């Protein structure tokens, strides 16, 4: 689950992208921020990527996701799915 401080970070990144004036995004999706990544020290769980997808979607910019990698983590499929589903969902608040 995404913590409050994570959402603050996500919206700070969102605002920085908007202020920069980006016309499109290329998102490198390595998922090394996942809590069970053997080489990482981050603590995101699979549902965190759903929230990240929603933040990216809220930018309303043409977006290309590029999967990075080099090793397999069991939750990779779930993490990718969460990101894409979060990106596709349209929620007007």
PDB file of N, CA and C in Angstrom:
ATOM      1  N   UNK A   1       0.839  -1.181   0.000  1.00  0.00           N
ATOM      2  CA  UNK A   1       0.000   0.000   0.000  1.00  0.00           C
ATOM      3  C   UNK A   1       0.886   1.248   0.000  1.00  0.00           C
ATOM      4  N   UNK A   2       0.480   2.247  -0.752  1.00  0.00           N
ATOM      5  CA  UNK A   2       1.237   3.492  -0.831  1.00  0.00           C
ATOM      6  C   UNK A   2       0.983   4.307   0.433  1.00  0.00           C
ATOM      7  N   UNK A   3       2.041   4.745   1.050  1.00  0.00           N
ATOM      8  CA  UNK A   3       1.933   5.563   2.253  1.00  0.00           C
ATOM      9  C   UNK A   3       1.706   7.018   1.882  1.00  0.00           C
ATOM     10  N   UNK A   4       1.239   7.790   2.842  1.00  0.00           N
ATOM     11  CA  UNK A   4       0.963   9.213   2.624  1.00  0.00           C
ATOM     12  C   UNK A   4       2.188   9.932   2.065  1.00  0.00           C
ATOM     13  N   UNK A   5       3.366   9.679   2.633  1.00  0.00           N
ATOM     14  CA  UNK A   5       4.577  10.369   2.166  1.00  0.00           C
ATOM     15  C   UNK A   5       4.903   9.985   0.726  1.00  0.00           C
ATOM     16  N   UNK A   6       4.544   8.756   0.325  1.00  0.00           N
ATOM     17  CA  UNK A   6       4.767   8.340  -1.061  1.00  0.00           C
ATOM     18  C   UNK A   6       3.882   9.135  -2.008  1.00  0.00           C
ATOM     19  N   UNK A   7       2.645   9.383  -1.611  1.00  0.00           N
ATOM     20  CA  UNK A   7       1.749  10.178  -2.461  1.00  0.00           C
ATOM     21  C   UNK A   7       2.245  11.611  -2.575  1.00  0.00           C
ATOM     22  N   UNK A   8       2.759  12.154  -1.498  1.00  0.00           N
ATOM     23  CA  UNK A   8       3.322  13.503  -1.553  1.00  0.00           C
ATOM     24  C   UNK A   8       4.472  13.531  -2.549  1.00  0.00           C
ATOM     25  N   UNK A   9       5.336  12.521  -2.499  1.00  0.00           N
ATOM     26  CA  UNK A   9       6.448  12.436  -3.440  1.00  0.00           C
ATOM     27  C   UNK A   9       5.936  12.339  -4.871  1.00  0.00           C
ATOM     28  N   UNK A  10       4.934  11.476  -5.102  1.00  0.00           N
ATOM     29  CA  UNK A  10       4.406  11.295  -6.452  1.00  0.00           C
ATOM     30  C   UNK A  10       3.845  12.593  -7.007  1.00  0.00           C
ATOM     31  N   UNK A  11       3.130  13.344  -6.181  1.00  0.00           N
ATOM     32  CA  UNK A  11       2.570  14.591  -6.677  1.00  0.00           C
ATOM     33  C   UNK A  11       3.638  15.668  -6.847  1.00  0.00           C
ATOM     34  N   UNK A  12       4.698  15.606  -6.059  1.00  0.00           N
ATOM     35  CA  UNK A  12       5.816  16.532  -6.263  1.00  0.00           C
ATOM     36  C   UNK A  12       6.474  16.251  -7.612  1.00  0.00           C
ATOM     37  N   UNK A  13       6.639  14.968  -7.943  1.00  0.00           N
ATOM     38  CA  UNK A  13       7.201  14.591  -9.246  1.00  0.00           C
ATOM     39  C   UNK A  13       6.262  15.037 -10.354  1.00  0.00           C
ATOM     40  N   UNK A  14       4.966  14.817 -10.158  1.00  0.00           N
ATOM     41  CA  UNK A  14       3.967  15.237 -11.150  1.00  0.00           C
ATOM     42  C   UNK A  14       4.074  16.729 -11.413  1.00  0.00           C
ATOM     43  N   UNK A  15       4.139  17.511 -10.355  1.00  0.00           N
ATOM     44  CA  UNK A  15       4.220  18.965 -10.506  1.00  0.00           C
ATOM     45  C   UNK A  15       5.511  19.386 -11.200  1.00  0.00           C
ATOM     46  N   UNK A  16       6.614  18.714 -10.889  1.00  0.00           N
ATOM     47  CA  UNK A  16       7.891  19.035 -11.536  1.00  0.00           C
ATOM     48  C   UNK A  16       7.817  18.768 -13.038  1.00  0.00           C
ATOM     49  N   UNK A  17       7.176  17.675 -13.423  1.00  0.00           N
ATOM     50  CA  UNK A  17       7.032  17.349 -14.851  1.00  0.00           C
ATOM     51  C   UNK A  17       6.178  18.408 -15.543  1.00  0.00           C
ATOM     52  N   UNK A  18       5.092  18.805 -14.907  1.00  0.00           N
ATOM     53  CA  UNK A  18       4.226  19.825 -15.501  1.00  0.00           C
ATOM     54  C   UNK A  18       4.945  21.168 -15.608  1.00  0.00           C
ATOM     55  N   UNK A  19       5.688  21.542 -14.579  1.00  0.00           N
ATOM     56  CA  UNK A  19       6.418  22.810 -14.619  1.00  0.00           C
ATOM     57  C   UNK A  19       7.506  22.794 -15.683  1.00  0.00           C
ATOM     58  N   UNK A  20       8.114  21.640 -15.921  1.00  0.00           N
ATOM     59  CA  UNK A  20       9.137  21.509 -16.946  1.00  0.00           C
ATOM     60  C   UNK A  20       8.544  21.724 -18.336  1.00  0.00           C
ATOM     61  N   UNK A  21       7.275  21.371 -18.488  1.00  0.00           N
ATOM     62  CA  UNK A  21       6.604  21.544 -19.769  1.00  0.00           C
ATOM     63  C   UNK A  21       6.773  20.368 -20.715  1.00  0.00           C
ATOM     64  N   UNK A  22       6.948  19.182 -20.143  1.00  0.00           N
ATOM     65  CA  UNK A  22       7.109  17.988 -20.975  1.00  0.00           C
ATOM     66  C   UNK A  22       5.906  17.817 -21.904  1.00  0.00           C
ATOM     67  N   UNK A  23       6.174  17.400 -23.126  1.00  0.00           N
ATOM     68  CA  UNK A  23       5.116  17.151 -24.097  1.00  0.00           C
ATOM     69  C   UNK A  23       4.811  15.668 -24.226  1.00  0.00           C
ATOM     70  N   UNK A  24       5.672  14.835 -23.666  1.00  0.00           N
ATOM     71  CA  UNK A  24       5.488  13.383 -23.677  1.00  0.00           C
ATOM     72  C   UNK A  24       6.375  12.794 -22.584  1.00  0.00           C
ATOM     73  N   UNK A  25       6.087  11.546 -22.209  1.00  0.00           N
ATOM     74  CA  UNK A  25       6.880  10.862 -21.191  1.00  0.00           C
ATOM     75  C   UNK A  25       7.403   9.535 -21.717  1.00  0.00           C
ATOM     76  N   UNK A  26       8.615   9.213 -21.340  1.00  0.00           N
ATOM     77  CA  UNK A  26       9.153   7.868 -21.504  1.00  0.00           C
ATOM     78  C   UNK A  26       9.471   7.393 -20.095  1.00  0.00           C
ATOM     79  N   UNK A  27       8.784   6.342 -19.666  1.00  0.00           N
ATOM     80  CA  UNK A  27       8.911   5.857 -18.298  1.00  0.00           C
ATOM     81  C   UNK A  27       9.692   4.553 -18.306  1.00  0.00           C
ATOM     82  N   UNK A  28      10.859   4.549 -17.685  1.00  0.00           N
ATOM     83  CA  UNK A  28      11.655   3.328 -17.536  1.00  0.00           C
ATOM     84  C   UNK A  28      11.105   2.553 -16.346  1.00  0.00           C
ATOM     85  N   UNK A  29      10.587   1.366 -16.602  1.00  0.00           N
ATOM     86  CA  UNK A  29       9.924   0.578 -15.558  1.00  0.00           C
ATOM     87  C   UNK A  29      10.788  -0.620 -15.172  1.00  0.00           C
ATOM     88  N   UNK A  30      11.747  -0.387 -14.312  1.00  0.00           N
ATOM     89  CA  UNK A  30      12.615  -1.463 -13.869  1.00  0.00           C
ATOM     90  C   UNK A  30      12.072  -2.211 -12.666  1.00  0.00           C
ATOM     91  N   UNK A  31      11.195  -1.604 -11.896  1.00  0.00           N
ATOM     92  CA  UNK A  31      10.566  -2.199 -10.714  1.00  0.00           C
ATOM     93  C   UNK A  31      11.563  -2.622  -9.643  1.00  0.00           C
ATOM     94  N   UNK A  32      12.741  -2.029  -9.650  1.00  0.00           N
ATOM     95  CA  UNK A  32      13.705  -2.347  -8.601  1.00  0.00           C
ATOM     96  C   UNK A  32      13.365  -1.661  -7.280  1.00  0.00           C
ATOM     97  N   UNK A  33      12.287  -0.889  -7.280  1.00  0.00           N
ATOM     98  CA  UNK A  33      11.796  -0.285  -6.047  1.00  0.00           C
ATOM     99  C   UNK A  33      10.877  -1.232  -5.280  1.00  0.00           C
ATOM    100  N   UNK A  34      10.632  -2.413  -5.822  1.00  0.00           N
ATOM    101  CA  UNK A  34       9.761  -3.405  -5.183  1.00  0.00           C
ATOM    102  C   UNK A  34      10.410  -3.945  -3.910  1.00  0.00           C
ATOM    103  N   UNK A  35       9.605  -4.159  -2.891  1.00  0.00           N
ATOM    104  CA  UNK A  35      10.116  -4.561  -1.570  1.00  0.00           C
ATOM    105  C   UNK A  35      10.893  -5.877  -1.587  1.00  0.00           C
ATOM    106  N   UNK A  36      10.581  -6.783  -2.505  1.00  0.00           N
ATOM    107  CA  UNK A  36      11.256  -8.081  -2.542  1.00  0.00           C
ATOM    108  C   UNK A  36      12.331  -8.173  -3.623  1.00  0.00           C
ATOM    109  N   UNK A  37      12.711  -7.028  -4.185  1.00  0.00           N
ATOM    110  CA  UNK A  37      13.781  -7.035  -5.178  1.00  0.00           C
ATOM    111  C   UNK A  37      15.081  -7.425  -4.474  1.00  0.00           C
ATOM    112  N   UNK A  38      15.794  -8.424  -4.990  1.00  0.00           N
ATOM    113  CA  UNK A  38      16.991  -8.906  -4.291  1.00  0.00           C
ATOM    114  C   UNK A  38      18.157  -7.911  -4.279  1.00  0.00           C
ATOM    115  N   UNK A  39      18.134  -6.926  -5.151  1.00  0.00           N
ATOM    116  CA  UNK A  39      19.234  -5.971  -5.215  1.00  0.00           C
ATOM    117  C   UNK A  39      18.856  -4.585  -4.696  1.00  0.00           C
ATOM    118  N   UNK A  40      17.577  -4.382  -4.393  1.00  0.00           N
ATOM    119  CA  UNK A  40      17.108  -3.062  -3.991  1.00  0.00           C
ATOM    120  C   UNK A  40      16.890  -2.938  -2.500  1.00  0.00           C
ATOM    121  N   UNK A  41      16.708  -1.708  -2.079  1.00  0.00           N
ATOM    122  CA  UNK A  41      16.471  -1.410  -0.667  1.00  0.00           C
ATOM    123  C   UNK A  41      15.182  -0.620  -0.461  1.00  0.00           C
ATOM    124  N   UNK A  42      14.324  -0.608  -1.481  1.00  0.00           N
ATOM    125  CA  UNK A  42      13.076   0.129  -1.399  1.00  0.00           C
ATOM    126  C   UNK A  42      11.990  -0.759  -0.799  1.00  0.00           C
ATOM    127  N   UNK A  43      10.840  -0.192  -0.522  1.00  0.00           N
ATOM    128  CA  UNK A  43       9.789  -0.930   0.188  1.00  0.00           C
ATOM    129  C   UNK A  43       8.421  -0.858  -0.482  1.00  0.00           C
ATOM    130  N   UNK A  44       8.368  -0.602  -1.798  1.00  0.00           N
ATOM    131  CA  UNK A  44       7.066  -0.527  -2.456  1.00  0.00           C
ATOM    132  C   UNK A  44       6.469  -1.922  -2.621  1.00  0.00           C
ATOM    133  N   UNK A  45       5.155  -2.012  -2.417  1.00  0.00           N
ATOM    134  CA  UNK A  45       4.478  -3.276  -2.724  1.00  0.00           C
ATOM    135  C   UNK A  45       3.762  -3.131  -4.060  1.00  0.00           C
ATOM    136  N   UNK A  46       3.143  -4.203  -4.518  1.00  0.00           N
ATOM    137  CA  UNK A  46       2.544  -4.193  -5.859  1.00  0.00           C
ATOM    138  C   UNK A  46       1.493  -3.108  -6.034  1.00  0.00           C
ATOM    139  N   UNK A  47       0.706  -2.849  -4.996  1.00  0.00           N
ATOM    140  CA  UNK A  47      -0.343  -1.827  -5.120  1.00  0.00           C
ATOM    141  C   UNK A  47       0.241  -0.419  -5.281  1.00  0.00           C
ATOM    142  N   UNK A  48       1.474  -0.223  -4.886  1.00  0.00           N
ATOM    143  CA  UNK A  48       2.122   1.079  -5.061  1.00  0.00           C
ATOM    144  C   UNK A  48       2.208   1.446  -6.533  1.00  0.00           C
ATOM    145  N   UNK A  49       2.414   0.450  -7.386  1.00  0.00           N
ATOM    146  CA  UNK A  49       2.560   0.721  -8.815  1.00  0.00           C
ATOM    147  C   UNK A  49       1.238   1.134  -9.448  1.00  0.00           C
ATOM    148  N   UNK A  50       0.130   0.691  -8.875  1.00  0.00           N
ATOM    149  CA  UNK A  50      -1.189   1.156  -9.319  1.00  0.00           C
ATOM    150  C   UNK A  50      -1.287   2.670  -9.091  1.00  0.00           C
ATOM    151  N   UNK A  51      -0.898   3.116  -7.898  1.00  0.00           N
ATOM    152  CA  UNK A  51      -0.951   4.545  -7.570  1.00  0.00           C
ATOM    153  C   UNK A  51      -0.009   5.341  -8.469  1.00  0.00           C
ATOM    154  N   UNK A  52       1.150   4.797  -8.744  1.00  0.00           N
ATOM    155  CA  UNK A  52       2.091   5.467  -9.637  1.00  0.00           C
ATOM    156  C   UNK A  52       1.481   5.595 -11.029  1.00  0.00           C
ATOM    157  N   UNK A  53       0.818   4.536 -11.493  1.00  0.00           N
ATOM    158  CA  UNK A  53       0.146   4.586 -12.797  1.00  0.00           C
ATOM    159  C   UNK A  53      -0.911   5.672 -12.844  1.00  0.00           C
ATOM    160  N   UNK A  54      -1.645   5.843 -11.767  1.00  0.00           N
ATOM    161  CA  UNK A  54      -2.670   6.897 -11.719  1.00  0.00           C
ATOM    162  C   UNK A  54      -2.049   8.282 -11.788  1.00  0.00           C
ATOM    163  N   UNK A  55      -0.940   8.472 -11.084  1.00  0.00           N
ATOM    164  CA  UNK A  55      -0.268   9.774 -11.125  1.00  0.00           C
ATOM    165  C   UNK A  55       0.225  10.061 -12.538  1.00  0.00           C
ATOM    166  N   UNK A  56       0.825   9.067 -13.180  1.00  0.00           N
ATOM    167  CA  UNK A  56       1.311   9.247 -14.555  1.00  0.00           C
ATOM    168  C   UNK A  56       0.141   9.563 -15.482  1.00  0.00           C
ATOM    169  N   UNK A  57      -0.955   8.846 -15.326  1.00  0.00           N
ATOM    170  CA  UNK A  57      -2.138   9.089 -16.155  1.00  0.00           C
ATOM    171  C   UNK A  57      -2.662  10.512 -15.969  1.00  0.00           C
ATOM    172  N   UNK A  58      -2.601  11.010 -14.735  1.00  0.00           N
ATOM    173  CA  UNK A  58      -3.145  12.343 -14.446  1.00  0.00           C
ATOM    174  C   UNK A  58      -2.415  13.445 -15.211  1.00  0.00           C
ATOM    175  N   UNK A  59      -1.227  13.155 -15.715  1.00  0.00           N
ATOM    176  CA  UNK A  59      -0.483  14.139 -16.495  1.00  0.00           C
ATOM    177  C   UNK A  59      -1.089  14.362 -17.879  1.00  0.00           C
ATOM    178  N   UNK A  60      -1.854  13.375 -18.345  1.00  0.00           N
ATOM    179  CA  UNK A  60      -2.522  13.460 -19.651  1.00  0.00           C
ATOM    180  C   UNK A  60      -1.525  13.758 -20.782  1.00  0.00           C
ATOM    181  N   UNK A  61      -0.388  13.071 -20.721  1.00  0.00           N
ATOM    182  CA  UNK A  61       0.636  13.207 -21.748  1.00  0.00           C
ATOM    183  C   UNK A  61       0.801  11.888 -22.499  1.00  0.00           C
ATOM    184  N   UNK A  62       1.162  11.948 -23.780  1.00  0.00           N
ATOM    185  CA  UNK A  62       1.512  10.699 -24.472  1.00  0.00           C
ATOM    186  C   UNK A  62       2.625  10.014 -23.673  1.00  0.00           C
ATOM    187  N   UNK A  63       2.460   8.718 -23.425  1.00  0.00           N
ATOM    188  CA  UNK A  63       3.379   8.013 -22.535  1.00  0.00           C
ATOM    189  C   UNK A  63       3.817   6.692 -23.127  1.00  0.00           C
ATOM    190  N   UNK A  64       5.111   6.434 -23.055  1.00  0.00           N
ATOM    191  CA  UNK A  64       5.688   5.160 -23.477  1.00  0.00           C
ATOM    192  C   UNK A  64       6.335   4.516 -22.262  1.00  0.00           C
ATOM    193  N   UNK A  65       5.929   3.295 -21.933  1.00  0.00           N
ATOM    194  CA  UNK A  65       6.562   2.525 -20.863  1.00  0.00           C
ATOM    195  C   UNK A  65       7.594   1.605 -21.491  1.00  0.00           C
ATOM    196  N   UNK A  66       8.812   1.625 -20.953  1.00  0.00           N
ATOM    197  CA  UNK A  66       9.889   0.770 -21.436  1.00  0.00           C
ATOM    198  C   UNK A  66      10.314  -0.124 -20.287  1.00  0.00           C
ATOM    199  N   UNK A  67      10.149  -1.438 -20.466  1.00  0.00           N
ATOM    200  CA  UNK A  67      10.512  -2.384 -19.418  1.00  0.00           C
ATOM    201  C   UNK A  67      12.013  -2.618 -19.405  1.00  0.00           C
ATOM    202  N   UNK A  68      12.627  -2.282 -18.285  1.00  0.00           N
ATOM    203  CA  UNK A  68      14.035  -2.582 -18.078  1.00  0.00           C
ATOM    204  C   UNK A  68      14.135  -3.946 -17.421  1.00  0.00           C
ATOM    205  N   UNK A  69      15.306  -4.405 -17.240  1.00  0.00           N
ATOM    206  CA  UNK A  69      15.439  -5.654 -16.499  1.00  0.00           C
ATOM    207  C   UNK A  69      16.739  -6.354 -16.767  1.00  0.00           C
ATOM    208  N   UNK A  70      16.801  -7.547 -16.304  1.00  0.00           N
ATOM    209  CA  UNK A  70      17.987  -8.348 -16.426  1.00  0.00           C
ATOM    210  C   UNK A  70      17.906  -9.552 -15.515  1.00  0.00           C
ATOM    211  N   UNK A  71      16.962  -9.534 -14.598  1.00  0.00           N
ATOM    212  CA  UNK A  71      16.742 -10.664 -13.708  1.00  0.00           C
ATOM    213  C   UNK A  71      15.261 -10.725 -13.363  1.00  0.00           C
ATOM    214  N   UNK A  72      14.815 -11.870 -12.906  1.00  0.00           N
ATOM    215  CA  UNK A  72      13.401 -12.117 -12.671  1.00  0.00           C
ATOM    216  C   UNK A  72      13.066 -12.031 -11.183  1.00  0.00           C
ATOM    217  N   UNK A  73      11.980 -11.338 -10.870  1.00  0.00           N
ATOM    218  CA  UNK A  73      11.396 -11.300  -9.533  1.00  0.00           C
ATOM    219  C   UNK A  73       9.992 -11.863  -9.674  1.00  0.00           C
ATOM    220  N   UNK A  74       9.605 -12.743  -8.777  1.00  0.00           N
ATOM    221  CA  UNK A  74       8.323 -13.450  -8.892  1.00  0.00           C
ATOM    222  C   UNK A  74       7.129 -12.515  -9.075  1.00  0.00           C
ATOM    223  N   UNK A  75       7.154 -11.346  -8.484  1.00  0.00           N
ATOM    224  CA  UNK A  75       6.012 -10.422  -8.550  1.00  0.00           C
ATOM    225  C   UNK A  75       6.062  -9.499  -9.764  1.00  0.00           C
ATOM    226  N   UNK A  76       6.995  -9.713 -10.676  1.00  0.00           N
ATOM    227  CA  UNK A  76       7.139  -8.806 -11.818  1.00  0.00           C
ATOM    228  C   UNK A  76       5.835  -8.669 -12.603  1.00  0.00           C
ATOM    229  N   UNK A  77       5.197  -9.777 -12.897  1.00  0.00           N
ATOM    230  CA  UNK A  77       3.945  -9.730 -13.669  1.00  0.00           C
ATOM    231  C   UNK A  77       2.886  -8.891 -12.951  1.00  0.00           C
ATOM    232  N   UNK A  78       2.733  -9.109 -11.663  1.00  0.00           N
ATOM    233  CA  UNK A  78       1.753  -8.350 -10.878  1.00  0.00           C
ATOM    234  C   UNK A  78       2.107  -6.864 -10.838  1.00  0.00           C
ATOM    235  N   UNK A  79       3.375  -6.539 -10.681  1.00  0.00           N
ATOM    236  CA  UNK A  79       3.799  -5.140 -10.628  1.00  0.00           C
ATOM    237  C   UNK A  79       3.520  -4.425 -11.947  1.00  0.00           C
ATOM    238  N   UNK A  80       3.831  -5.077 -13.051  1.00  0.00           N
ATOM    239  CA  UNK A  80       3.556  -4.501 -14.378  1.00  0.00           C
ATOM    240  C   UNK A  80       2.057  -4.302 -14.554  1.00  0.00           C
ATOM    241  N   UNK A  81       1.287  -5.314 -14.194  1.00  0.00           N
ATOM    242  CA  UNK A  81      -0.172  -5.227 -14.345  1.00  0.00           C
ATOM    243  C   UNK A  81      -0.738  -4.079 -13.515  1.00  0.00           C
ATOM    244  N   UNK A  82      -0.277  -3.929 -12.285  1.00  0.00           N
ATOM    245  CA  UNK A  82      -0.761  -2.838 -11.427  1.00  0.00           C
ATOM    246  C   UNK A  82      -0.458  -1.471 -12.047  1.00  0.00           C
ATOM    247  N   UNK A  83       0.734  -1.304 -12.577  1.00  0.00           N
ATOM    248  CA  UNK A  83       1.109  -0.033 -13.196  1.00  0.00           C
ATOM    249  C   UNK A  83       0.211   0.288 -14.386  1.00  0.00           C
ATOM    250  N   UNK A  84       0.015  -0.698 -15.258  1.00  0.00           N
ATOM    251  CA  UNK A  84      -0.782  -0.477 -16.472  1.00  0.00           C
ATOM    252  C   UNK A  84      -2.252  -0.252 -16.137  1.00  0.00           C
ATOM    253  N   UNK A  85      -2.798  -1.032 -15.218  1.00  0.00           N
ATOM    254  CA  UNK A  85      -4.204  -0.851 -14.840  1.00  0.00           C
ATOM    255  C   UNK A  85      -4.390   0.520 -14.191  1.00  0.00           C
ATOM    256  N   UNK A  86      -3.469   0.930 -13.344  1.00  0.00           N
ATOM    257  CA  UNK A  86      -3.556   2.261 -12.730  1.00  0.00           C
ATOM    258  C   UNK A  86      -3.493   3.359 -13.793  1.00  0.00           C
ATOM    259  N   UNK A  87      -2.674   3.158 -14.796  1.00  0.00           N
ATOM    260  CA  UNK A  87      -2.548   4.135 -15.856  1.00  0.00           C
ATOM    261  C   UNK A  87      -3.808   4.211 -16.711  1.00  0.00           C
ATOM    262  N   UNK A  88      -4.465   3.086 -16.916  1.00  0.00           N
ATOM    263  CA  UNK A  88      -5.643   3.049 -17.799  1.00  0.00           C
ATOM    264  C   UNK A  88      -6.909   3.545 -17.134  1.00  0.00           C
ATOM    265  N   UNK A  89      -7.024   3.441 -15.836  1.00  0.00           N
ATOM    266  CA  UNK A  89      -8.241   3.827 -15.131  1.00  0.00           C
ATOM    267  C   UNK A  89      -8.395   5.353 -15.198  1.00  0.00           C
ATOM    268  N   UNK A  90      -9.567   5.801 -15.556  1.00  0.00           N
ATOM    269  CA  UNK A  90      -9.852   7.232 -15.614  1.00  0.00           C
ATOM    270  C   UNK A  90     -10.807   7.557 -14.464  1.00  0.00           C
ATOM    271  N   UNK A  91     -10.295   8.333 -13.525  1.00  0.00           N
ATOM    272  CA  UNK A  91     -11.094   8.732 -12.370  1.00  0.00           C
ATOM    273  C   UNK A  91     -11.036  10.244 -12.269  1.00  0.00           C
ATOM    274  N   UNK A  92     -12.166  10.877 -12.458  1.00  0.00           N
ATOM    275  CA  UNK A  92     -12.221  12.323 -12.299  1.00  0.00           C
ATOM    276  C   UNK A  92     -12.694  12.636 -10.884  1.00  0.00           C
ATOM    277  N   UNK A  93     -11.873  13.375 -10.159  1.00  0.00           N
ATOM    278  CA  UNK A  93     -12.214  13.712  -8.765  1.00  0.00           C
ATOM    279  C   UNK A  93     -12.567  15.184  -8.705  1.00  0.00           C
TER     280      UNK A  93
END
